[in-house]
Amino acid sequence: MAAIYPRRGFESPFIDKTGPSGSSEDSPLLYHLRARTHRQASPAGFFLRAEMMHDYLAGVDAAGGRSRATAWGDEPLQARSHGESFLTVLGQRFTDVGVYFMDEPEAALSFSSCLGLVALLAKMADEGSQVIVATHSPLLMSLPGATLLEIGNWGLRLLPSYDDADLVRSWRTFLQEPDLFLRHLLD
């Protein structure tokens, strides 16, 4: 979906504001799908893909000069921790109402940074944005009002509640008694 969605974001001659472009790792589904949007739909959007963000951040830093000063503050993104860079991008680029795609955004984030992301996602939803997140984080899945879809050997299913997610049940079981899991792995 992220590869075909016509996200343009705020047009700027100084900086790419829509996120990393496609790669050879993208699904071939993009050649078989077509996105349709309402003619009055916002062009704002961004695709945050964890494994592509390093190159994106490097490109922003390489542009330097006016683009960095006006878009990101005057500090290079890669001078910050990976998680801080992610949060800067999220805070600066997820401001317009639009459609946003995130692929495993928790990869660079600490627990407290994930909580900050949940707050940002709630704010975006309240303002009218749609955010589609592929995640392995029960913390991100806890966003109130989120529609949860789970993909597994069974295919795709709509979850009635957060508590019905296999991921949530597995984490709860592990956190209650980690030794039960670890003894099988470490023996």
N, C-alpha and C. Protein backbone atom coordinates (compact mmCIF):
# COMPACT_ATOMS: atom_id res chain seq x y z
N MET A 1 0.82 -1.19 0.00
CA MET A 1 0.00 0.00 0.00
C MET A 1 0.86 1.25 0.00
N ALA A 2 1.91 1.26 0.83
CA ALA A 2 2.75 2.45 0.92
C ALA A 2 3.46 2.74 -0.39
N ALA A 3 3.80 1.70 -1.13
CA ALA A 3 4.53 1.90 -2.38
C ALA A 3 3.66 2.52 -3.47
N ILE A 4 2.35 2.33 -3.42
CA ILE A 4 1.50 2.84 -4.48
C ILE A 4 0.68 4.05 -4.10
N TYR A 5 0.58 4.34 -2.81
CA TYR A 5 -0.27 5.45 -2.39
C TYR A 5 0.34 6.77 -2.87
N PRO A 6 -0.45 7.65 -3.47
CA PRO A 6 0.10 8.88 -4.04
C PRO A 6 0.34 9.97 -3.00
N ARG A 7 1.25 9.72 -2.08
CA ARG A 7 1.55 10.71 -1.06
C ARG A 7 2.55 11.71 -1.63
N ARG A 8 2.22 12.96 -1.52
CA ARG A 8 3.11 13.99 -2.02
C ARG A 8 3.61 14.88 -0.89
N GLY A 9 2.83 15.01 0.12
CA GLY A 9 3.23 15.87 1.23
C GLY A 9 3.30 17.32 0.81
N PHE A 10 3.83 18.10 1.67
CA PHE A 10 4.00 19.52 1.39
C PHE A 10 5.13 19.67 0.37
N GLU A 11 4.85 20.32 -0.73
CA GLU A 11 5.85 20.48 -1.78
C GLU A 11 6.95 21.43 -1.31
N SER A 12 8.20 21.04 -1.46
CA SER A 12 9.32 21.87 -1.06
C SER A 12 10.49 21.63 -2.00
N PRO A 13 11.10 22.70 -2.50
CA PRO A 13 12.29 22.51 -3.34
C PRO A 13 13.52 22.16 -2.53
N PHE A 14 13.41 22.22 -1.20
CA PHE A 14 14.58 22.04 -0.36
C PHE A 14 14.75 20.65 0.23
N ILE A 15 13.66 19.92 0.38
CA ILE A 15 13.77 18.66 1.11
C ILE A 15 12.66 17.69 0.73
N ASP A 16 12.99 16.40 0.73
CA ASP A 16 12.00 15.36 0.47
C ASP A 16 11.19 15.16 1.75
N LYS A 17 9.92 15.46 1.68
CA LYS A 17 9.08 15.39 2.87
C LYS A 17 8.14 14.19 2.87
N THR A 18 8.31 13.27 1.93
CA THR A 18 7.39 12.15 1.86
C THR A 18 7.99 10.84 2.36
N GLY A 19 9.27 10.84 2.66
CA GLY A 19 9.89 9.64 3.19
C GLY A 19 10.73 8.92 2.15
N PRO A 20 11.36 7.84 2.58
CA PRO A 20 12.23 7.08 1.68
C PRO A 20 11.48 6.60 0.46
N SER A 21 12.16 6.60 -0.68
CA SER A 21 11.53 6.10 -1.90
C SER A 21 11.59 4.58 -1.92
N GLY A 22 11.02 3.99 -2.94
CA GLY A 22 10.95 2.55 -3.05
C GLY A 22 12.32 1.89 -3.15
N SER A 23 12.32 0.59 -2.98
CA SER A 23 13.57 -0.17 -3.09
C SER A 23 13.27 -1.52 -3.75
N SER A 24 14.34 -2.24 -4.03
CA SER A 24 14.18 -3.56 -4.64
C SER A 24 13.52 -4.55 -3.67
N GLU A 25 13.45 -4.20 -2.39
CA GLU A 25 12.82 -5.06 -1.39
C GLU A 25 11.30 -4.92 -1.37
N ASP A 26 10.77 -3.92 -2.06
CA ASP A 26 9.33 -3.71 -2.06
C ASP A 26 8.61 -4.90 -2.69
N SER A 27 7.43 -5.15 -2.21
CA SER A 27 6.63 -6.26 -2.71
C SER A 27 6.26 -6.04 -4.18
N PRO A 28 6.25 -7.09 -4.98
CA PRO A 28 5.81 -6.96 -6.37
C PRO A 28 4.32 -6.66 -6.47
N LEU A 29 3.61 -6.69 -5.34
CA LEU A 29 2.19 -6.35 -5.35
C LEU A 29 1.94 -4.95 -5.88
N LEU A 30 2.93 -4.08 -5.74
CA LEU A 30 2.73 -2.70 -6.17
C LEU A 30 2.42 -2.62 -7.67
N TYR A 31 2.81 -3.63 -8.43
CA TYR A 31 2.51 -3.64 -9.87
C TYR A 31 1.10 -4.14 -10.17
N HIS A 32 0.41 -4.63 -9.13
CA HIS A 32 -0.92 -5.20 -9.33
C HIS A 32 -2.02 -4.45 -8.59
N LEU A 33 -1.63 -3.43 -7.84
CA LEU A 33 -2.59 -2.66 -7.06
C LEU A 33 -2.69 -1.24 -7.58
N ARG A 34 -3.81 -0.63 -7.31
CA ARG A 34 -4.00 0.76 -7.69
C ARG A 34 -4.70 1.47 -6.54
N ALA A 35 -4.13 2.58 -6.13
CA ALA A 35 -4.74 3.36 -5.05
C ALA A 35 -5.69 4.38 -5.66
N ARG A 36 -6.84 4.50 -5.04
CA ARG A 36 -7.81 5.51 -5.47
C ARG A 36 -8.10 6.41 -4.29
N THR A 37 -7.99 7.70 -4.53
CA THR A 37 -8.28 8.65 -3.46
C THR A 37 -9.35 9.63 -3.95
N HIS A 38 -10.00 10.20 -3.00
CA HIS A 38 -11.00 11.23 -3.32
C HIS A 38 -10.27 12.45 -3.86
N ARG A 39 -10.86 13.15 -4.79
CA ARG A 39 -10.19 14.30 -5.39
C ARG A 39 -9.89 15.39 -4.39
N GLN A 40 -10.59 15.41 -3.27
CA GLN A 40 -10.34 16.41 -2.25
C GLN A 40 -9.47 15.87 -1.10
N ALA A 41 -8.97 14.67 -1.26
CA ALA A 41 -8.13 14.08 -0.21
C ALA A 41 -6.83 14.87 -0.08
N SER A 42 -6.35 14.95 1.11
CA SER A 42 -5.09 15.65 1.36
C SER A 42 -3.94 14.90 0.69
N PRO A 43 -3.02 15.62 0.08
CA PRO A 43 -1.85 14.97 -0.50
C PRO A 43 -0.77 14.66 0.55
N ALA A 44 -0.99 15.09 1.79
CA ALA A 44 0.02 14.89 2.82
C ALA A 44 0.19 13.41 3.12
N GLY A 45 1.39 13.03 3.44
CA GLY A 45 1.66 11.65 3.80
C GLY A 45 3.14 11.40 3.93
N PHE A 46 3.48 10.24 4.44
CA PHE A 46 4.87 9.89 4.66
C PHE A 46 4.93 8.38 4.80
N PHE A 47 6.01 7.79 4.33
CA PHE A 47 6.23 6.36 4.50
C PHE A 47 7.48 6.18 5.33
N LEU A 48 7.31 5.76 6.57
CA LEU A 48 8.43 5.49 7.45
C LEU A 48 8.67 3.99 7.45
N ARG A 49 9.76 3.59 6.85
CA ARG A 49 10.15 2.19 6.79
C ARG A 49 11.47 2.06 7.53
N ALA A 50 11.48 1.34 8.62
CA ALA A 50 12.63 1.31 9.52
C ALA A 50 13.95 1.06 8.80
N GLU A 51 14.00 0.06 7.93
CA GLU A 51 15.28 -0.29 7.30
C GLU A 51 15.72 0.70 6.23
N MET A 52 14.84 1.59 5.82
CA MET A 52 15.20 2.58 4.80
C MET A 52 15.54 3.94 5.41
N MET A 53 15.27 4.13 6.67
CA MET A 53 15.40 5.45 7.26
C MET A 53 16.85 5.92 7.37
N HIS A 54 17.79 5.02 7.52
CA HIS A 54 19.19 5.44 7.62
C HIS A 54 19.61 6.22 6.37
N ASP A 55 19.30 5.66 5.20
CA ASP A 55 19.64 6.35 3.95
C ASP A 55 18.88 7.66 3.82
N TYR A 56 17.63 7.68 4.23
CA TYR A 56 16.83 8.90 4.17
C TYR A 56 17.44 9.98 5.06
N LEU A 57 17.80 9.61 6.30
CA LEU A 57 18.40 10.57 7.22
C LEU A 57 19.74 11.09 6.69
N ALA A 58 20.53 10.18 6.11
CA ALA A 58 21.81 10.59 5.53
C ALA A 58 21.59 11.57 4.39
N GLY A 59 20.57 11.34 3.57
CA GLY A 59 20.26 12.25 2.47
C GLY A 59 19.85 13.63 2.96
N VAL A 60 19.06 13.66 4.02
CA VAL A 60 18.66 14.94 4.61
C VAL A 60 19.88 15.68 5.14
N ASP A 61 20.75 14.96 5.84
CA ASP A 61 21.96 15.59 6.37
C ASP A 61 22.90 16.05 5.26
N ALA A 62 22.99 15.26 4.18
CA ALA A 62 23.87 15.63 3.08
C ALA A 62 23.38 16.90 2.38
N ALA A 63 22.06 17.12 2.38
CA ALA A 63 21.52 18.32 1.75
C ALA A 63 21.99 19.56 2.49
N GLY A 64 22.11 19.43 3.82
CA GLY A 64 22.65 20.52 4.63
C GLY A 64 22.00 21.86 4.38
N GLY A 65 22.74 22.90 4.66
CA GLY A 65 22.35 24.27 4.38
C GLY A 65 20.94 24.63 4.80
N ARG A 66 20.28 25.34 3.92
CA ARG A 66 18.97 25.90 4.22
C ARG A 66 17.93 24.82 4.50
N SER A 67 18.00 23.69 3.78
CA SER A 67 16.98 22.66 3.97
C SER A 67 17.01 22.10 5.38
N ARG A 68 18.21 21.85 5.91
CA ARG A 68 18.29 21.30 7.26
C ARG A 68 17.86 22.34 8.29
N ALA A 69 18.31 23.58 8.10
CA ALA A 69 17.97 24.62 9.06
C ALA A 69 16.48 24.89 9.09
N THR A 70 15.82 24.88 7.94
CA THR A 70 14.40 25.20 7.91
C THR A 70 13.52 23.99 8.22
N ALA A 71 13.99 22.81 7.94
CA ALA A 71 13.13 21.64 8.10
C ALA A 71 13.37 20.86 9.38
N TRP A 72 14.58 20.85 9.88
CA TRP A 72 14.91 19.95 10.98
C TRP A 72 15.57 20.63 12.16
N GLY A 73 15.69 21.92 12.17
CA GLY A 73 16.52 22.57 13.16
C GLY A 73 17.93 22.50 12.62
N ASP A 74 18.86 23.11 13.27
CA ASP A 74 20.19 23.20 12.67
C ASP A 74 21.12 22.05 13.04
N GLU A 75 20.59 21.01 13.64
CA GLU A 75 21.42 19.88 14.04
C GLU A 75 21.23 18.73 13.06
N PRO A 76 22.33 18.14 12.58
CA PRO A 76 22.19 16.98 11.68
C PRO A 76 21.40 15.86 12.35
N LEU A 77 20.55 15.21 11.58
CA LEU A 77 19.74 14.13 12.14
C LEU A 77 20.60 12.98 12.63
N GLN A 78 21.67 12.68 11.92
CA GLN A 78 22.50 11.54 12.30
C GLN A 78 23.46 11.86 13.44
N ALA A 79 23.46 13.09 13.93
CA ALA A 79 24.23 13.42 15.12
C ALA A 79 23.47 13.01 16.37
N ARG A 80 22.21 12.68 16.20
CA ARG A 80 21.35 12.25 17.30
C ARG A 80 21.32 10.72 17.34
N SER A 81 20.75 10.18 18.39
CA SER A 81 20.57 8.72 18.41
C SER A 81 19.57 8.35 17.32
N HIS A 82 19.56 7.09 16.95
CA HIS A 82 18.65 6.63 15.90
C HIS A 82 17.20 6.92 16.29
N GLY A 83 16.87 6.65 17.54
CA GLY A 83 15.51 6.90 18.02
C GLY A 83 15.16 8.38 18.03
N GLU A 84 16.11 9.23 18.45
CA GLU A 84 15.85 10.67 18.43
C GLU A 84 15.63 11.17 17.01
N SER A 85 16.41 10.64 16.06
CA SER A 85 16.23 11.02 14.65
C SER A 85 14.84 10.64 14.17
N PHE A 86 14.41 9.42 14.51
CA PHE A 86 13.06 8.98 14.13
C PHE A 86 12.01 9.92 14.69
N LEU A 87 12.13 10.23 15.99
CA LEU A 87 11.13 11.08 16.63
C LEU A 87 11.13 12.49 16.04
N THR A 88 12.30 12.98 15.64
CA THR A 88 12.36 14.29 14.98
C THR A 88 11.61 14.25 13.67
N VAL A 89 11.85 13.19 12.88
CA VAL A 89 11.14 13.05 11.60
C VAL A 89 9.64 12.97 11.85
N LEU A 90 9.24 12.17 12.81
CA LEU A 90 7.81 12.02 13.11
C LEU A 90 7.20 13.34 13.55
N GLY A 91 7.88 14.03 14.44
CA GLY A 91 7.35 15.29 14.95
C GLY A 91 7.27 16.39 13.90
N GLN A 92 8.17 16.37 12.94
CA GLN A 92 8.21 17.41 11.91
C GLN A 92 7.39 17.07 10.67
N ARG A 93 7.28 15.81 10.33
CA ARG A 93 6.67 15.43 9.07
C ARG A 93 5.27 14.85 9.19
N PHE A 94 4.83 14.56 10.38
CA PHE A 94 3.50 13.99 10.56
C PHE A 94 2.53 15.04 11.08
N THR A 95 2.66 16.27 10.59
CA THR A 95 1.86 17.36 11.12
C THR A 95 0.63 17.68 10.27
N ASP A 96 0.69 17.46 8.97
CA ASP A 96 -0.46 17.74 8.12
C ASP A 96 -1.41 16.55 8.12
N VAL A 97 -2.70 16.82 8.03
CA VAL A 97 -3.68 15.74 7.92
C VAL A 97 -3.44 15.02 6.60
N GLY A 98 -3.32 13.71 6.67
CA GLY A 98 -3.04 12.92 5.48
C GLY A 98 -3.08 11.44 5.80
N VAL A 99 -2.43 10.66 4.94
CA VAL A 99 -2.33 9.21 5.12
C VAL A 99 -0.86 8.88 5.31
N TYR A 100 -0.56 8.21 6.41
CA TYR A 100 0.81 7.92 6.79
C TYR A 100 0.99 6.41 6.94
N PHE A 101 2.12 5.93 6.49
CA PHE A 101 2.45 4.51 6.57
C PHE A 101 3.70 4.35 7.42
N MET A 102 3.67 3.38 8.31
CA MET A 102 4.82 3.12 9.17
C MET A 102 5.07 1.62 9.20
N ASP A 103 6.29 1.24 8.90
CA ASP A 103 6.68 -0.16 8.92
C ASP A 103 7.68 -0.35 10.06
N GLU A 104 7.23 -0.99 11.11
CA GLU A 104 8.02 -1.29 12.30
C GLU A 104 8.72 -0.05 12.86
N PRO A 105 7.96 0.99 13.17
CA PRO A 105 8.59 2.20 13.71
C PRO A 105 9.24 1.98 15.06
N GLU A 106 8.84 0.94 15.76
CA GLU A 106 9.41 0.68 17.09
C GLU A 106 10.85 0.21 17.04
N ALA A 107 11.35 -0.15 15.85
CA ALA A 107 12.70 -0.70 15.73
C ALA A 107 13.77 0.22 16.32
N ALA A 108 13.59 1.52 16.23
CA ALA A 108 14.60 2.46 16.72
C ALA A 108 14.20 3.12 18.03
N LEU A 109 13.07 2.74 18.59
CA LEU A 109 12.53 3.49 19.72
C LEU A 109 12.64 2.73 21.04
N SER A 110 12.93 3.47 22.08
CA SER A 110 12.91 2.93 23.44
C SER A 110 11.46 2.82 23.90
N PHE A 111 11.26 2.24 25.06
CA PHE A 111 9.92 2.12 25.62
C PHE A 111 9.25 3.48 25.75
N SER A 112 9.97 4.44 26.35
CA SER A 112 9.37 5.77 26.54
C SER A 112 9.15 6.48 25.20
N SER A 113 10.01 6.26 24.23
CA SER A 113 9.81 6.85 22.91
C SER A 113 8.60 6.23 22.22
N CYS A 114 8.37 4.93 22.43
CA CYS A 114 7.16 4.29 21.88
C CYS A 114 5.91 4.91 22.49
N LEU A 115 5.96 5.23 23.78
CA LEU A 115 4.82 5.90 24.41
C LEU A 115 4.59 7.26 23.76
N GLY A 116 5.67 7.97 23.46
CA GLY A 116 5.55 9.24 22.76
C GLY A 116 4.94 9.07 21.39
N LEU A 117 5.30 7.97 20.71
CA LEU A 117 4.71 7.69 19.40
C LEU A 117 3.22 7.40 19.52
N VAL A 118 2.81 6.67 20.54
CA VAL A 118 1.38 6.40 20.75
C VAL A 118 0.63 7.73 20.93
N ALA A 119 1.20 8.64 21.70
CA ALA A 119 0.57 9.95 21.89
C ALA A 119 0.47 10.71 20.56
N LEU A 120 1.52 10.65 19.75
CA LEU A 120 1.50 11.31 18.44
C LEU A 120 0.45 10.68 17.53
N LEU A 121 0.36 9.35 17.52
CA LEU A 121 -0.64 8.67 16.69
C LEU A 121 -2.05 9.05 17.12
N ALA A 122 -2.29 9.15 18.43
CA ALA A 122 -3.62 9.55 18.92
C ALA A 122 -3.94 10.97 18.48
N LYS A 123 -2.97 11.86 18.55
CA LYS A 123 -3.18 13.24 18.12
C LYS A 123 -3.48 13.30 16.62
N MET A 124 -2.72 12.54 15.84
CA MET A 124 -2.94 12.52 14.39
C MET A 124 -4.35 12.03 14.06
N ALA A 125 -4.78 10.97 14.73
CA ALA A 125 -6.12 10.43 14.49
C ALA A 125 -7.19 11.45 14.86
N ASP A 126 -7.00 12.12 15.99
CA ASP A 126 -7.96 13.15 16.43
C ASP A 126 -8.06 14.29 15.42
N GLU A 127 -6.96 14.58 14.72
CA GLU A 127 -6.94 15.66 13.74
C GLU A 127 -7.44 15.23 12.37
N GLY A 128 -7.68 13.91 12.19
CA GLY A 128 -8.25 13.43 10.94
C GLY A 128 -7.32 12.64 10.04
N SER A 129 -6.10 12.40 10.46
CA SER A 129 -5.18 11.59 9.65
C SER A 129 -5.48 10.11 9.80
N GLN A 130 -5.06 9.37 8.81
CA GLN A 130 -5.08 7.90 8.88
C GLN A 130 -3.64 7.44 8.96
N VAL A 131 -3.38 6.48 9.84
CA VAL A 131 -2.05 5.94 9.96
C VAL A 131 -2.16 4.42 9.88
N ILE A 132 -1.38 3.85 8.99
CA ILE A 132 -1.35 2.39 8.83
C ILE A 132 0.02 1.94 9.31
N VAL A 133 0.02 1.11 10.36
CA VAL A 133 1.26 0.71 11.01
C VAL A 133 1.39 -0.81 10.97
N ALA A 134 2.52 -1.29 10.48
CA ALA A 134 2.87 -2.70 10.60
C ALA A 134 3.83 -2.77 11.79
N THR A 135 3.48 -3.54 12.81
CA THR A 135 4.27 -3.53 14.04
C THR A 135 4.31 -4.89 14.71
N HIS A 136 5.34 -5.05 15.52
CA HIS A 136 5.46 -6.21 16.42
C HIS A 136 5.42 -5.72 17.86
N SER A 137 4.91 -4.53 18.07
CA SER A 137 4.92 -3.91 19.39
C SER A 137 3.52 -3.92 20.01
N PRO A 138 3.34 -4.65 21.11
CA PRO A 138 2.05 -4.60 21.79
C PRO A 138 1.76 -3.19 22.33
N LEU A 139 2.82 -2.43 22.61
CA LEU A 139 2.63 -1.07 23.10
C LEU A 139 1.96 -0.21 22.01
N LEU A 140 2.44 -0.28 20.78
CA LEU A 140 1.83 0.50 19.70
C LEU A 140 0.42 -0.01 19.39
N MET A 141 0.21 -1.31 19.55
CA MET A 141 -1.12 -1.88 19.29
C MET A 141 -2.16 -1.42 20.30
N SER A 142 -1.70 -0.87 21.42
CA SER A 142 -2.62 -0.49 22.49
C SER A 142 -3.33 0.84 22.24
N LEU A 143 -3.05 1.50 21.14
CA LEU A 143 -3.67 2.79 20.85
C LEU A 143 -5.19 2.67 20.89
N PRO A 144 -5.84 3.41 21.78
CA PRO A 144 -7.30 3.33 21.87
C PRO A 144 -7.97 3.69 20.55
N GLY A 145 -8.95 2.90 20.17
CA GLY A 145 -9.70 3.15 18.95
C GLY A 145 -9.07 2.62 17.67
N ALA A 146 -7.88 2.02 17.80
CA ALA A 146 -7.21 1.49 16.60
C ALA A 146 -7.96 0.27 16.07
N THR A 147 -7.99 0.14 14.77
CA THR A 147 -8.49 -1.08 14.13
C THR A 147 -7.30 -2.02 14.03
N LEU A 148 -7.42 -3.19 14.63
CA LEU A 148 -6.30 -4.13 14.66
C LEU A 148 -6.55 -5.29 13.71
N LEU A 149 -5.61 -5.47 12.79
CA LEU A 149 -5.63 -6.60 11.88
C LEU A 149 -4.41 -7.44 12.19
N GLU A 150 -4.60 -8.74 12.27
CA GLU A 150 -3.50 -9.65 12.59
C GLU A 150 -3.27 -10.56 11.40
N ILE A 151 -2.01 -10.71 11.05
CA ILE A 151 -1.64 -11.58 9.93
C ILE A 151 -0.89 -12.78 10.49
N GLY A 152 -1.27 -13.96 10.07
CA GLY A 152 -0.61 -15.18 10.53
C GLY A 152 -0.84 -16.30 9.54
N ASN A 153 -0.59 -17.51 9.99
CA ASN A 153 -0.79 -18.68 9.13
C ASN A 153 -2.22 -18.80 8.64
N TRP A 154 -3.15 -18.22 9.37
CA TRP A 154 -4.57 -18.27 9.03
C TRP A 154 -4.94 -17.23 7.97
N GLY A 155 -4.03 -16.30 7.68
CA GLY A 155 -4.32 -15.21 6.75
C GLY A 155 -4.44 -13.90 7.51
N LEU A 156 -5.45 -13.12 7.18
CA LEU A 156 -5.68 -11.82 7.79
C LEU A 156 -6.98 -11.86 8.56
N ARG A 157 -6.95 -11.37 9.80
CA ARG A 157 -8.20 -11.34 10.57
C ARG A 157 -8.30 -10.04 11.36
N LEU A 158 -9.53 -9.59 11.51
CA LEU A 158 -9.84 -8.42 12.31
C LEU A 158 -9.94 -8.87 13.76
N LEU A 159 -9.23 -8.21 14.65
CA LEU A 159 -9.27 -8.57 16.05
C LEU A 159 -10.37 -7.82 16.76
N PRO A 160 -11.17 -8.52 17.57
CA PRO A 160 -12.23 -7.84 18.31
C PRO A 160 -11.68 -6.90 19.38
N SER A 161 -10.50 -7.25 19.93
CA SER A 161 -9.91 -6.40 20.96
C SER A 161 -8.40 -6.63 21.01
N TYR A 162 -7.74 -5.72 21.66
CA TYR A 162 -6.29 -5.78 21.89
C TYR A 162 -5.90 -7.09 22.56
N ASP A 163 -6.70 -7.51 23.53
CA ASP A 163 -6.39 -8.72 24.29
C ASP A 163 -6.45 -10.00 23.45
N ASP A 164 -7.05 -9.94 22.27
CA ASP A 164 -7.17 -11.11 21.42
C ASP A 164 -5.96 -11.31 20.51
N ALA A 165 -5.02 -10.39 20.49
CA ALA A 165 -3.84 -10.51 19.64
C ALA A 165 -2.90 -11.58 20.18
N ASP A 166 -2.44 -12.46 19.31
CA ASP A 166 -1.47 -13.48 19.71
C ASP A 166 -0.23 -12.84 20.31
N LEU A 167 0.22 -11.75 19.72
CA LEU A 167 1.40 -11.05 20.20
C LEU A 167 1.23 -10.57 21.64
N VAL A 168 0.09 -10.03 21.95
CA VAL A 168 -0.19 -9.52 23.30
C VAL A 168 -0.21 -10.69 24.29
N ARG A 169 -0.89 -11.77 23.93
CA ARG A 169 -0.94 -12.93 24.83
C ARG A 169 0.46 -13.50 25.06
N SER A 170 1.26 -13.59 24.01
CA SER A 170 2.62 -14.13 24.15
C SER A 170 3.48 -13.26 25.05
N TRP A 171 3.43 -11.95 24.86
CA TRP A 171 4.21 -11.05 25.71
C TRP A 171 3.76 -11.13 27.17
N ARG A 172 2.47 -11.17 27.39
CA ARG A 172 1.97 -11.27 28.77
C ARG A 172 2.46 -12.54 29.44
N THR A 173 2.39 -13.63 28.72
CA THR A 173 2.85 -14.91 29.27
C THR A 173 4.33 -14.85 29.58
N PHE A 174 5.12 -14.32 28.67
CA PHE A 174 6.56 -14.21 28.89
C PHE A 174 6.87 -13.31 30.08
N LEU A 175 6.25 -12.14 30.15
CA LEU A 175 6.56 -11.19 31.22
C LEU A 175 6.13 -11.70 32.60
N GLN A 176 5.10 -12.55 32.64
CA GLN A 176 4.67 -13.11 33.93
C GLN A 176 5.68 -14.12 34.45
N GLU A 177 6.25 -14.93 33.55
CA GLU A 177 7.21 -15.95 33.97
C GLU A 177 8.26 -16.17 32.89
N PRO A 178 9.23 -15.28 32.78
CA PRO A 178 10.25 -15.42 31.74
C PRO A 178 11.04 -16.71 31.84
N ASP A 179 11.22 -17.22 33.06
CA ASP A 179 11.99 -18.45 33.24
C ASP A 179 11.38 -19.64 32.52
N LEU A 180 10.05 -19.66 32.39
CA LEU A 180 9.41 -20.76 31.66
C LEU A 180 9.86 -20.81 30.21
N PHE A 181 10.03 -19.64 29.61
CA PHE A 181 10.51 -19.57 28.23
C PHE A 181 12.01 -19.80 28.16
N LEU A 182 12.73 -19.12 29.03
CA LEU A 182 14.19 -19.12 28.93
C LEU A 182 14.80 -20.47 29.24
N ARG A 183 14.22 -21.24 30.12
CA ARG A 183 14.82 -22.54 30.44
C ARG A 183 14.82 -23.46 29.22
N HIS A 184 13.82 -23.32 28.36
CA HIS A 184 13.77 -24.13 27.12
C HIS A 184 14.77 -23.64 26.09
N LEU A 185 15.04 -22.34 26.12
CA LEU A 185 15.98 -21.78 25.15
C LEU A 185 17.43 -21.95 25.58
N LEU A 186 17.67 -21.93 26.88
CA LEU A 186 19.04 -21.91 27.37
C LEU A 186 19.56 -23.26 27.82
N ASP A 187 18.71 -24.28 27.90
CA ASP A 187 19.17 -25.61 28.31
C ASP A 187 19.84 -26.32 27.16
